[in-house]
Amino acid sequence: MLKYKKIIEAIRLIGFLALGLYTAFSENILVGLLGLV
């Protein structure tokens, strides 16, 4: 049971980091597109 909790925490952490990177990347793309227009 404890092992599953560790796995879930790791997945949640990875998902949070991935979401943060994706958000930052998307904002950079939007700013870049607005800069082109």
N, C-alpha and C. Protein backbone atom coordinates (compact mmCIF):
# COMPACT_ATOMS: atom_id res chain seq x y z
N MET A 1 0.84 -1.20 0.00
CA MET A 1 0.00 0.00 0.00
C MET A 1 0.88 1.26 0.00
N LEU A 2 1.94 1.22 0.80
CA LEU A 2 2.83 2.38 0.89
C LEU A 2 3.55 2.62 -0.43
N LYS A 3 3.90 1.50 -1.12
CA LYS A 3 4.59 1.61 -2.40
C LYS A 3 3.71 2.33 -3.43
N TYR A 4 2.42 1.99 -3.44
CA TYR A 4 1.50 2.63 -4.39
C TYR A 4 1.40 4.12 -4.11
N LYS A 5 1.42 4.50 -2.84
CA LYS A 5 1.33 5.91 -2.48
C LYS A 5 2.54 6.67 -3.01
N LYS A 6 3.72 6.06 -2.92
CA LYS A 6 4.94 6.69 -3.44
C LYS A 6 4.85 6.86 -4.95
N ILE A 7 4.34 5.83 -5.63
CA ILE A 7 4.21 5.88 -7.10
C ILE A 7 3.24 6.99 -7.50
N ILE A 8 2.11 7.08 -6.78
CA ILE A 8 1.12 8.11 -7.09
C ILE A 8 1.71 9.50 -6.87
N GLU A 9 2.48 9.67 -5.79
CA GLU A 9 3.11 10.97 -5.52
C GLU A 9 4.11 11.33 -6.63
N ALA A 10 4.87 10.33 -7.10
CA ALA A 10 5.85 10.56 -8.17
C ALA A 10 5.14 10.98 -9.45
N ILE A 11 4.06 10.27 -9.79
CA ILE A 11 3.29 10.60 -11.00
C ILE A 11 2.70 12.01 -10.89
N ARG A 12 2.19 12.34 -9.72
CA ARG A 12 1.59 13.66 -9.51
C ARG A 12 2.64 14.75 -9.67
N LEU A 13 3.84 14.50 -9.13
CA LEU A 13 4.94 15.47 -9.21
C LEU A 13 5.37 15.66 -10.67
N ILE A 14 5.52 14.54 -11.40
CA ILE A 14 5.91 14.61 -12.81
C ILE A 14 4.84 15.35 -13.62
N GLY A 15 3.58 15.05 -13.34
CA GLY A 15 2.49 15.72 -14.04
C GLY A 15 2.49 17.21 -13.79
N PHE A 16 2.75 17.59 -12.54
CA PHE A 16 2.79 19.01 -12.16
C PHE A 16 3.92 19.73 -12.89
N LEU A 17 5.09 19.10 -12.93
CA LEU A 17 6.24 19.70 -13.62
C LEU A 17 5.97 19.79 -15.12
N ALA A 18 5.38 18.74 -15.69
CA ALA A 18 5.08 18.73 -17.12
C ALA A 18 4.07 19.83 -17.46
N LEU A 19 3.08 19.99 -16.60
CA LEU A 19 2.06 21.03 -16.82
C LEU A 19 2.70 22.41 -16.75
N GLY A 20 3.60 22.61 -15.80
CA GLY A 20 4.29 23.89 -15.67
C GLY A 20 5.12 24.21 -16.90
N LEU A 21 5.86 23.21 -17.39
CA LEU A 21 6.67 23.41 -18.59
C LEU A 21 5.78 23.69 -19.80
N TYR A 22 4.69 22.93 -19.93
CA TYR A 22 3.77 23.11 -21.04
C TYR A 22 3.16 24.50 -21.03
N THR A 23 2.77 24.96 -19.84
CA THR A 23 2.17 26.30 -19.71
C THR A 23 3.17 27.38 -20.10
N ALA A 24 4.39 27.27 -19.60
CA ALA A 24 5.43 28.26 -19.92
C ALA A 24 5.72 28.25 -21.42
N PHE A 25 5.80 27.05 -22.00
CA PHE A 25 6.08 26.90 -23.43
C PHE A 25 4.95 27.52 -24.25
N SER A 26 3.70 27.26 -23.87
CA SER A 26 2.53 27.78 -24.59
C SER A 26 2.52 29.30 -24.54
N GLU A 27 2.84 29.86 -23.36
CA GLU A 27 2.84 31.32 -23.23
C GLU A 27 3.92 31.93 -24.12
N ASN A 28 5.08 31.28 -24.19
CA ASN A 28 6.16 31.77 -25.06
C ASN A 28 5.73 31.74 -26.52
N ILE A 29 5.01 30.69 -26.92
CA ILE A 29 4.54 30.58 -28.30
C ILE A 29 3.52 31.70 -28.58
N LEU A 30 2.60 31.92 -27.64
CA LEU A 30 1.59 32.98 -27.82
C LEU A 30 2.25 34.34 -27.94
N VAL A 31 3.21 34.62 -27.07
CA VAL A 31 3.93 35.90 -27.12
C VAL A 31 4.67 36.03 -28.45
N GLY A 32 5.29 34.92 -28.90
CA GLY A 32 6.01 34.94 -30.17
C GLY A 32 5.08 35.21 -31.34
N LEU A 33 3.91 34.59 -31.33
CA LEU A 33 2.94 34.79 -32.40
C LEU A 33 2.42 36.23 -32.39
N LEU A 34 2.15 36.75 -31.20
CA LEU A 34 1.68 38.13 -31.09
C LEU A 34 2.76 39.09 -31.58
N GLY A 35 4.02 38.75 -31.29
CA GLY A 35 5.14 39.58 -31.73
C GLY A 35 5.24 39.59 -33.26
N LEU A 36 4.95 38.45 -33.89
CA LEU A 36 4.99 38.37 -35.35
C LEU A 36 3.87 39.19 -35.97
N VAL A 37 2.71 39.17 -35.33
CA VAL A 37 1.55 39.91 -35.84
C VAL A 37 1.72 41.38 -35.43
